[in-house]
Amino acid sequence: MTAAQDRRQTVQPANKIASPATADIIGIFAQRNPDSSRGEITEVAKLVAEFSATAAMLSPAARKRLIARRARFKELVAEIAAEPETTPTPVALAAKNRAEVSHGAGLGTVLPLEEGRARIAAYAVPARIEDWAGRLAGPSELAREFGIARSTLHTWQKQAAVIGLLVGMRKHAFPTEQFVDGRPVAGLGAIVAAIGDPRTAWLWLREANPGFAGVAPLTRLKAGAIDDVVEVARSNFGNA
């Protein structure tokens, strides 16, 4: 199980439990405590609502662990309640909100155009597309080796179900790793949509990702974890 899956299992159970609203809890406490003030009941109800909302988000296993440690849970609540409230002084608030004035080193010496281009060229390392994309195949090769008809491939392209990489000016080649049993892995279109570019998406899919404990997202996608991979893609590319 990956770290992302464990987090999802902890905070997103399959059968979500709806937590009661604060107003509902106030009604229950008011009925059970007719002699208590409205203010006291409201304070207690707000706390209960927060606790119930948190508990509802936990997985069944996490709730069982919490119940087993309820004595410790009570201690933690008591410790938090006993902590003194600290009100920052006006001086401390002013120091916190004061903007720090700093000066950078500037842009430095502006290089001549030719020297700038030469330095960029020295950093750039030419690489074939196969070096980062893996094996590619055209429509003829896919038909011959995978039994994928051209018409089927064209339909998949229209549906954004496959990733085609532009080779040259107009020709597309298809990474063969995206096919399993003659069909594209499910979820490729959602990944490209989340990332925004097929080349970047394919590069990201093949690289080890810390969100999956160092496993490549493509491996997780082939295992059927579509929602997990899409979620991490959106998070990595700022579309969460």
C-alpha atoms as a PDB file:
ATOM      1  CA  MET A   1       0.000   0.000   0.000  1.00  0.00           C
ATOM      2  CA  THR A   2       1.372   3.422  -0.920  1.00  0.00           C
ATOM      3  CA  ALA A   3       1.534   6.470   1.347  1.00  0.00           C
ATOM      4  CA  ALA A   4      -1.190   8.188  -0.706  1.00  0.00           C
ATOM      5  CA  GLN A   5      -3.488   5.176  -0.411  1.00  0.00           C
ATOM      6  CA  ASP A   6      -2.908   4.981   3.336  1.00  0.00           C
ATOM      7  CA  ARG A   7      -3.841   8.652   3.728  1.00  0.00           C
ATOM      8  CA  ARG A   8      -6.986   8.163   1.640  1.00  0.00           C
ATOM      9  CA  GLN A   9      -7.958   5.112   3.664  1.00  0.00           C
ATOM     10  CA  THR A  10      -7.449   7.044   6.901  1.00  0.00           C
ATOM     11  CA  VAL A  11      -9.467  10.145   6.079  1.00  0.00           C
ATOM     12  CA  GLN A  12     -11.820   8.986   3.336  1.00  0.00           C
ATOM     13  CA  PRO A  13     -13.749   5.829   4.292  1.00  0.00           C
ATOM     14  CA  ALA A  14     -15.751   4.104   1.595  1.00  0.00           C
ATOM     15  CA  ASN A  15     -19.043   4.757   3.406  1.00  0.00           C
ATOM     16  CA  LYS A  16     -18.972   8.340   4.602  1.00  0.00           C
ATOM     17  CA  ILE A  17     -20.889   9.151   7.770  1.00  0.00           C
ATOM     18  CA  ALA A  18     -22.755  12.443   7.864  1.00  0.00           C
ATOM     19  CA  SER A  19     -21.923  14.454  10.962  1.00  0.00           C
ATOM     20  CA  PRO A  20     -24.841  16.236  12.694  1.00  0.00           C
ATOM     21  CA  ALA A  21     -25.036  19.995  12.393  1.00  0.00           C
ATOM     22  CA  THR A  22     -24.294  22.218  15.380  1.00  0.00           C
ATOM     23  CA  ALA A  23     -27.941  23.297  15.520  1.00  0.00           C
ATOM     24  CA  ASP A  24     -29.057  19.673  15.853  1.00  0.00           C
ATOM     25  CA  ILE A  25     -26.611  19.063  18.688  1.00  0.00           C
ATOM     26  CA  ILE A  26     -27.748  22.259  20.450  1.00  0.00           C
ATOM     27  CA  GLY A  27     -31.315  20.948  20.335  1.00  0.00           C
ATOM     28  CA  ILE A  28     -30.289  17.647  21.917  1.00  0.00           C
ATOM     29  CA  PHE A  29     -28.322  19.316  24.714  1.00  0.00           C
ATOM     30  CA  ALA A  30     -31.098  21.840  25.346  1.00  0.00           C
ATOM     31  CA  GLN A  31     -33.614  19.014  25.730  1.00  0.00           C
ATOM     32  CA  ARG A  32     -31.366  17.077  28.123  1.00  0.00           C
ATOM     33  CA  ASN A  33     -30.276  20.161  30.094  1.00  0.00           C
ATOM     34  CA  PRO A  34     -33.283  22.463  30.501  1.00  0.00           C
ATOM     35  CA  ASP A  35     -31.679  24.324  33.434  1.00  0.00           C
ATOM     36  CA  SER A  36     -28.446  25.194  31.574  1.00  0.00           C
ATOM     37  CA  SER A  37     -27.929  28.535  29.892  1.00  0.00           C
ATOM     38  CA  ARG A  38     -28.075  28.890  26.132  1.00  0.00           C
ATOM     39  CA  GLY A  39     -24.465  30.070  26.069  1.00  0.00           C
ATOM     40  CA  GLU A  40     -23.153  26.985  27.889  1.00  0.00           C
ATOM     41  CA  ILE A  41     -25.137  24.637  25.680  1.00  0.00           C
ATOM     42  CA  THR A  42     -23.909  26.367  22.523  1.00  0.00           C
ATOM     43  CA  GLU A  43     -20.248  26.123  23.600  1.00  0.00           C
ATOM     44  CA  VAL A  44     -20.515  22.411  24.383  1.00  0.00           C
ATOM     45  CA  ALA A  45     -22.462  21.750  21.166  1.00  0.00           C
ATOM     46  CA  LYS A  46     -19.781  23.444  19.061  1.00  0.00           C
ATOM     47  CA  LEU A  47     -17.102  21.224  20.591  1.00  0.00           C
ATOM     48  CA  VAL A  48     -19.174  18.083  20.057  1.00  0.00           C
ATOM     49  CA  ALA A  49     -19.816  19.105  16.451  1.00  0.00           C
ATOM     50  CA  GLU A  50     -16.069  19.497  15.827  1.00  0.00           C
ATOM     51  CA  PHE A  51     -15.297  16.125  17.403  1.00  0.00           C
ATOM     52  CA  SER A  52     -18.074  14.334  15.502  1.00  0.00           C
ATOM     53  CA  ALA A  53     -17.058  15.892  12.180  1.00  0.00           C
ATOM     54  CA  THR A  54     -13.470  14.748  12.715  1.00  0.00           C
ATOM     55  CA  ALA A  55     -14.544  11.248  13.730  1.00  0.00           C
ATOM     56  CA  ALA A  56     -16.815  10.953  10.684  1.00  0.00           C
ATOM     57  CA  MET A  57     -13.860  11.633   8.379  1.00  0.00           C
ATOM     58  CA  LEU A  58     -11.751   8.829   9.862  1.00  0.00           C
ATOM     59  CA  SER A  59     -11.594   5.341   8.458  1.00  0.00           C
ATOM     60  CA  PRO A  60     -13.172   2.489  10.492  1.00  0.00           C
ATOM     61  CA  ALA A  61      -9.692   1.299  11.495  1.00  0.00           C
ATOM     62  CA  ALA A  62      -8.700   4.769  12.679  1.00  0.00           C
ATOM     63  CA  ARG A  63     -11.912   5.119  14.681  1.00  0.00           C
ATOM     64  CA  LYS A  64     -11.263   1.786  16.381  1.00  0.00           C
ATOM     65  CA  ARG A  65      -7.739   2.914  17.299  1.00  0.00           C
ATOM     66  CA  LEU A  66      -9.128   6.142  18.728  1.00  0.00           C
ATOM     67  CA  ILE A  67     -11.754   4.291  20.779  1.00  0.00           C
ATOM     68  CA  ALA A  68      -9.096   1.930  22.120  1.00  0.00           C
ATOM     69  CA  ARG A  69      -7.092   4.946  23.291  1.00  0.00           C
ATOM     70  CA  ARG A  70     -10.005   7.013  24.563  1.00  0.00           C
ATOM     71  CA  ALA A  71      -8.386   7.358  27.987  1.00  0.00           C
ATOM     72  CA  ARG A  72      -5.401   9.046  26.366  1.00  0.00           C
ATOM     73  CA  PHE A  73      -7.776  11.114  24.247  1.00  0.00           C
ATOM     74  CA  LYS A  74      -9.428  12.480  27.397  1.00  0.00           C
ATOM     75  CA  GLU A  75      -5.997  13.377  28.790  1.00  0.00           C
ATOM     76  CA  LEU A  76      -5.084  15.287  25.653  1.00  0.00           C
ATOM     77  CA  VAL A  77      -8.344  17.250  25.726  1.00  0.00           C
ATOM     78  CA  ALA A  78      -7.741  18.081  29.409  1.00  0.00           C
ATOM     79  CA  GLU A  79      -4.184  19.201  28.666  1.00  0.00           C
ATOM     80  CA  ILE A  80      -5.326  21.486  25.849  1.00  0.00           C
ATOM     81  CA  ALA A  81      -8.094  22.932  28.019  1.00  0.00           C
ATOM     82  CA  ALA A  82      -5.603  23.608  30.811  1.00  0.00           C
ATOM     83  CA  GLU A  83      -3.185  25.519  28.599  1.00  0.00           C
ATOM     84  CA  PRO A  84      -3.151  29.237  29.502  1.00  0.00           C
ATOM     85  CA  GLU A  85      -4.284  31.685  26.852  1.00  0.00           C
ATOM     86  CA  THR A  86      -1.533  34.060  25.810  1.00  0.00           C
ATOM     87  CA  THR A  87      -2.506  37.444  24.468  1.00  0.00           C
ATOM     88  CA  PRO A  88       0.285  39.053  22.449  1.00  0.00           C
ATOM     89  CA  THR A  89       1.309  42.516  23.557  1.00  0.00           C
ATOM     90  CA  PRO A  90       0.991  45.486  21.180  1.00  0.00           C
ATOM     91  CA  VAL A  91       4.780  45.486  20.800  1.00  0.00           C
ATOM     92  CA  ALA A  92       4.808  41.803  19.853  1.00  0.00           C
ATOM     93  CA  LEU A  93       2.004  42.327  17.342  1.00  0.00           C
ATOM     94  CA  ALA A  94       3.830  45.248  15.788  1.00  0.00           C
ATOM     95  CA  ALA A  95       7.024  43.214  15.497  1.00  0.00           C
ATOM     96  CA  LYS A  96       5.127  40.323  13.902  1.00  0.00           C
ATOM     97  CA  ASN A  97       3.431  42.537  11.336  1.00  0.00           C
ATOM     98  CA  ARG A  98       6.468  44.650  10.563  1.00  0.00           C
ATOM     99  CA  ALA A  99       7.720  44.162   7.026  1.00  0.00           C
ATOM    100  CA  GLU A 100      11.392  43.349   6.745  1.00  0.00           C
ATOM    101  CA  VAL A 101      13.173  45.596   4.291  1.00  0.00           C
ATOM    102  CA  SER A 102      15.935  43.885   2.371  1.00  0.00           C
ATOM    103  CA  HIS A 103      17.892  44.522  -0.777  1.00  0.00           C
ATOM    104  CA  GLY A 104      18.938  41.841  -3.219  1.00  0.00           C
ATOM    105  CA  ALA A 105      22.220  41.629  -5.010  1.00  0.00           C
ATOM    106  CA  GLY A 106      20.692  42.817  -8.263  1.00  0.00           C
ATOM    107  CA  LEU A 107      20.882  41.251 -11.698  1.00  0.00           C
ATOM    108  CA  GLY A 108      24.628  41.443 -12.012  1.00  0.00           C
ATOM    109  CA  THR A 109      26.472  42.039 -15.245  1.00  0.00           C
ATOM    110  CA  VAL A 110      24.375  41.686 -18.369  1.00  0.00           C
ATOM    111  CA  LEU A 111      26.012  39.228 -20.751  1.00  0.00           C
ATOM    112  CA  PRO A 112      26.286  39.852 -24.484  1.00  0.00           C
ATOM    113  CA  LEU A 113      23.723  37.905 -26.524  1.00  0.00           C
ATOM    114  CA  GLU A 114      26.246  35.555 -28.108  1.00  0.00           C
ATOM    115  CA  GLU A 115      27.887  34.683 -24.797  1.00  0.00           C
ATOM    116  CA  GLY A 116      24.477  34.054 -23.219  1.00  0.00           C
ATOM    117  CA  ARG A 117      23.528  31.673 -26.013  1.00  0.00           C
ATOM    118  CA  ALA A 118      26.856  29.896 -25.709  1.00  0.00           C
ATOM    119  CA  ARG A 119      26.355  29.321 -21.983  1.00  0.00           C
ATOM    120  CA  ILE A 120      22.826  27.969 -22.491  1.00  0.00           C
ATOM    121  CA  ALA A 121      24.097  25.637 -25.204  1.00  0.00           C
ATOM    122  CA  ALA A 122      26.764  24.365 -22.815  1.00  0.00           C
ATOM    123  CA  TYR A 123      24.103  23.439 -20.257  1.00  0.00           C
ATOM    124  CA  ALA A 124      21.743  21.822 -22.768  1.00  0.00           C
ATOM    125  CA  VAL A 125      22.360  18.151 -23.497  1.00  0.00           C
ATOM    126  CA  PRO A 126      20.821  16.740 -26.691  1.00  0.00           C
ATOM    127  CA  ALA A 127      18.708  13.635 -26.100  1.00  0.00           C
ATOM    128  CA  ARG A 128      16.625  11.383 -28.297  1.00  0.00           C
ATOM    129  CA  ILE A 129      12.950  11.180 -27.487  1.00  0.00           C
ATOM    130  CA  GLU A 130      13.318   7.449 -26.822  1.00  0.00           C
ATOM    131  CA  ASP A 131      15.814   8.242 -24.047  1.00  0.00           C
ATOM    132  CA  TRP A 132      13.076   9.706 -21.840  1.00  0.00           C
ATOM    133  CA  ALA A 133       9.845   8.405 -23.419  1.00  0.00           C
ATOM    134  CA  GLY A 134      10.801   4.747 -23.837  1.00  0.00           C
ATOM    135  CA  ARG A 135      10.021   2.715 -26.921  1.00  0.00           C
ATOM    136  CA  LEU A 136       7.731   4.410 -29.461  1.00  0.00           C
ATOM    137  CA  ALA A 137       5.676   2.896 -32.263  1.00  0.00           C
ATOM    138  CA  GLY A 138       3.741   4.296 -35.164  1.00  0.00           C
ATOM    139  CA  PRO A 139       0.299   3.159 -36.345  1.00  0.00           C
ATOM    140  CA  SER A 140       1.767   0.466 -38.623  1.00  0.00           C
ATOM    141  CA  GLU A 141       3.898  -1.023 -35.862  1.00  0.00           C
ATOM    142  CA  LEU A 142       1.007  -0.966 -33.405  1.00  0.00           C
ATOM    143  CA  ALA A 143      -1.193  -2.778 -35.905  1.00  0.00           C
ATOM    144  CA  ARG A 144       1.473  -5.376 -36.623  1.00  0.00           C
ATOM    145  CA  GLU A 145       2.733  -6.013 -33.087  1.00  0.00           C
ATOM    146  CA  PHE A 146      -0.284  -5.234 -30.898  1.00  0.00           C
ATOM    147  CA  GLY A 147      -3.160  -5.887 -33.273  1.00  0.00           C
ATOM    148  CA  ILE A 148      -4.437  -2.322 -32.946  1.00  0.00           C
ATOM    149  CA  ALA A 149      -6.268  -1.243 -36.084  1.00  0.00           C
ATOM    150  CA  ARG A 150      -5.629   2.258 -37.424  1.00  0.00           C
ATOM    151  CA  SER A 151      -9.301   3.128 -37.093  1.00  0.00           C
ATOM    152  CA  THR A 152      -9.276   2.044 -33.443  1.00  0.00           C
ATOM    153  CA  LEU A 153      -6.154   4.083 -32.759  1.00  0.00           C
ATOM    154  CA  HIS A 154      -7.761   7.093 -34.415  1.00  0.00           C
ATOM    155  CA  THR A 155     -10.844   6.691 -32.224  1.00  0.00           C
ATOM    156  CA  TRP A 156      -8.696   6.502 -29.101  1.00  0.00           C
ATOM    157  CA  GLN A 157      -6.908   9.675 -30.158  1.00  0.00           C
ATOM    158  CA  LYS A 158     -10.209  11.505 -30.599  1.00  0.00           C
ATOM    159  CA  GLN A 159     -11.292  10.306 -27.157  1.00  0.00           C
ATOM    160  CA  ALA A 160      -7.937  11.378 -25.618  1.00  0.00           C
ATOM    161  CA  ALA A 161      -7.550   7.803 -24.396  1.00  0.00           C
ATOM    162  CA  VAL A 162      -3.959   7.456 -25.653  1.00  0.00           C
ATOM    163  CA  ILE A 163      -0.859   9.622 -25.486  1.00  0.00           C
ATOM    164  CA  GLY A 164       0.707  10.466 -28.829  1.00  0.00           C
ATOM    165  CA  LEU A 165       4.021  12.340 -28.926  1.00  0.00           C
ATOM    166  CA  LEU A 166       4.797  14.632 -31.832  1.00  0.00           C
ATOM    167  CA  VAL A 167       7.873  13.447 -33.728  1.00  0.00           C
ATOM    168  CA  GLY A 168       8.993  15.889 -36.381  1.00  0.00           C
ATOM    169  CA  MET A 169       6.474  18.379 -37.708  1.00  0.00           C
ATOM    170  CA  ARG A 170       3.234  16.370 -37.940  1.00  0.00           C
ATOM    171  CA  LYS A 171       3.904  12.707 -37.235  1.00  0.00           C
ATOM    172  CA  HIS A 172       2.821  11.177 -33.931  1.00  0.00           C
ATOM    173  CA  ALA A 173       4.423   8.193 -32.243  1.00  0.00           C
ATOM    174  CA  PHE A 174       2.930   6.299 -29.329  1.00  0.00           C
ATOM    175  CA  PRO A 175       4.821   5.046 -26.258  1.00  0.00           C
ATOM    176  CA  THR A 176       4.264   1.303 -26.180  1.00  0.00           C
ATOM    177  CA  GLU A 177       4.316   1.191 -22.358  1.00  0.00           C
ATOM    178  CA  GLN A 178       0.853   2.735 -22.283  1.00  0.00           C
ATOM    179  CA  PHE A 179      -0.727  -0.370 -23.825  1.00  0.00           C
ATOM    180  CA  VAL A 180      -1.759  -3.464 -21.874  1.00  0.00           C
ATOM    181  CA  ASP A 181      -3.302  -6.389 -23.751  1.00  0.00           C
ATOM    182  CA  GLY A 182      -3.709  -4.263 -26.857  1.00  0.00           C
ATOM    183  CA  ARG A 183      -5.549  -1.447 -25.085  1.00  0.00           C
ATOM    184  CA  PRO A 184      -4.407   1.846 -23.549  1.00  0.00           C
ATOM    185  CA  VAL A 185      -4.204   2.020 -19.780  1.00  0.00           C
ATOM    186  CA  ALA A 186      -7.359   3.554 -18.321  1.00  0.00           C
ATOM    187  CA  GLY A 187      -7.007   7.088 -16.967  1.00  0.00           C
ATOM    188  CA  LEU A 188      -4.449   8.512 -19.408  1.00  0.00           C
ATOM    189  CA  GLY A 189      -6.852  11.185 -20.632  1.00  0.00           C
ATOM    190  CA  ALA A 190      -7.539  12.369 -17.088  1.00  0.00           C
ATOM    191  CA  ILE A 191      -3.810  12.594 -16.385  1.00  0.00           C
ATOM    192  CA  VAL A 192      -3.136  14.679 -19.504  1.00  0.00           C
ATOM    193  CA  ALA A 193      -6.068  16.929 -18.607  1.00  0.00           C
ATOM    194  CA  ALA A 194      -4.693  17.407 -15.085  1.00  0.00           C
ATOM    195  CA  ILE A 195      -1.170  18.202 -16.274  1.00  0.00           C
ATOM    196  CA  GLY A 196      -2.038  20.070 -19.460  1.00  0.00           C
ATOM    197  CA  ASP A 197       0.511  18.672 -21.915  1.00  0.00           C
ATOM    198  CA  PRO A 198       0.940  15.105 -23.238  1.00  0.00           C
ATOM    199  CA  ARG A 199       4.769  15.195 -23.333  1.00  0.00           C
ATOM    200  CA  THR A 200       5.001  16.481 -19.775  1.00  0.00           C
ATOM    201  CA  ALA A 201       2.321  14.009 -18.687  1.00  0.00           C
ATOM    202  CA  TRP A 202       4.159  11.024 -20.168  1.00  0.00           C
ATOM    203  CA  LEU A 203       7.489  12.094 -18.658  1.00  0.00           C
ATOM    204  CA  TRP A 204       5.789  12.487 -15.262  1.00  0.00           C
ATOM    205  CA  LEU A 205       4.069   9.111 -15.557  1.00  0.00           C
ATOM    206  CA  ARG A 206       7.375   7.278 -16.091  1.00  0.00           C
ATOM    207  CA  GLU A 207       9.400   8.974 -13.340  1.00  0.00           C
ATOM    208  CA  ALA A 208       9.551   7.746  -9.742  1.00  0.00           C
ATOM    209  CA  ASN A 209       7.231   9.848  -7.595  1.00  0.00           C
ATOM    210  CA  PRO A 210       7.561  10.432  -3.827  1.00  0.00           C
ATOM    211  CA  GLY A 211       3.760  10.574  -3.611  1.00  0.00           C
ATOM    212  CA  PHE A 212       3.778   6.841  -4.391  1.00  0.00           C
ATOM    213  CA  ALA A 213       6.783   5.945  -2.232  1.00  0.00           C
ATOM    214  CA  GLY A 214       9.131   6.175  -5.209  1.00  0.00           C
ATOM    215  CA  VAL A 215       6.944   4.148  -7.572  1.00  0.00           C
ATOM    216  CA  ALA A 216       6.267   5.551 -11.051  1.00  0.00           C
ATOM    217  CA  PRO A 217       2.681   6.847 -11.474  1.00  0.00           C
ATOM    218  CA  LEU A 218       2.311   4.701 -14.605  1.00  0.00           C
ATOM    219  CA  THR A 219       2.803   1.603 -12.472  1.00  0.00           C
ATOM    220  CA  ARG A 220       0.057   2.715 -10.098  1.00  0.00           C
ATOM    221  CA  LEU A 221      -2.183   3.569 -13.057  1.00  0.00           C
ATOM    222  CA  LYS A 222      -1.754   0.050 -14.440  1.00  0.00           C
ATOM    223  CA  ALA A 223      -2.733  -1.288 -11.026  1.00  0.00           C
ATOM    224  CA  GLY A 224      -6.061   0.531 -11.313  1.00  0.00           C
ATOM    225  CA  ALA A 225      -5.382   3.416  -8.900  1.00  0.00           C
ATOM    226  CA  ILE A 226      -6.758   6.022 -11.305  1.00  0.00           C
ATOM    227  CA  ASP A 227      -8.200   8.388  -8.694  1.00  0.00           C
ATOM    228  CA  ASP A 228      -4.973   8.330  -6.660  1.00  0.00           C
ATOM    229  CA  VAL A 229      -2.792   9.106  -9.685  1.00  0.00           C
ATOM    230  CA  VAL A 230      -5.060  11.913 -10.895  1.00  0.00           C
ATOM    231  CA  GLU A 231      -5.102  13.426  -7.407  1.00  0.00           C
ATOM    232  CA  VAL A 232      -1.294  13.433  -7.155  1.00  0.00           C
ATOM    233  CA  ALA A 233      -0.975  14.829 -10.695  1.00  0.00           C
ATOM    234  CA  ARG A 234      -3.260  17.727  -9.835  1.00  0.00           C
ATOM    235  CA  SER A 235      -1.321  18.321  -6.635  1.00  0.00           C
ATOM    236  CA  ASN A 236       2.085  18.215  -8.381  1.00  0.00           C
ATOM    237  CA  PHE A 237       1.007  20.617 -11.110  1.00  0.00           C
ATOM    238  CA  GLY A 238      -1.009  23.013  -8.972  1.00  0.00           C
ATOM    239  CA  ASN A 239      -4.457  21.971 -10.167  1.00  0.00           C
ATOM    240  CA  ALA A 240      -5.724  20.416  -6.930  1.00  0.00           C
END
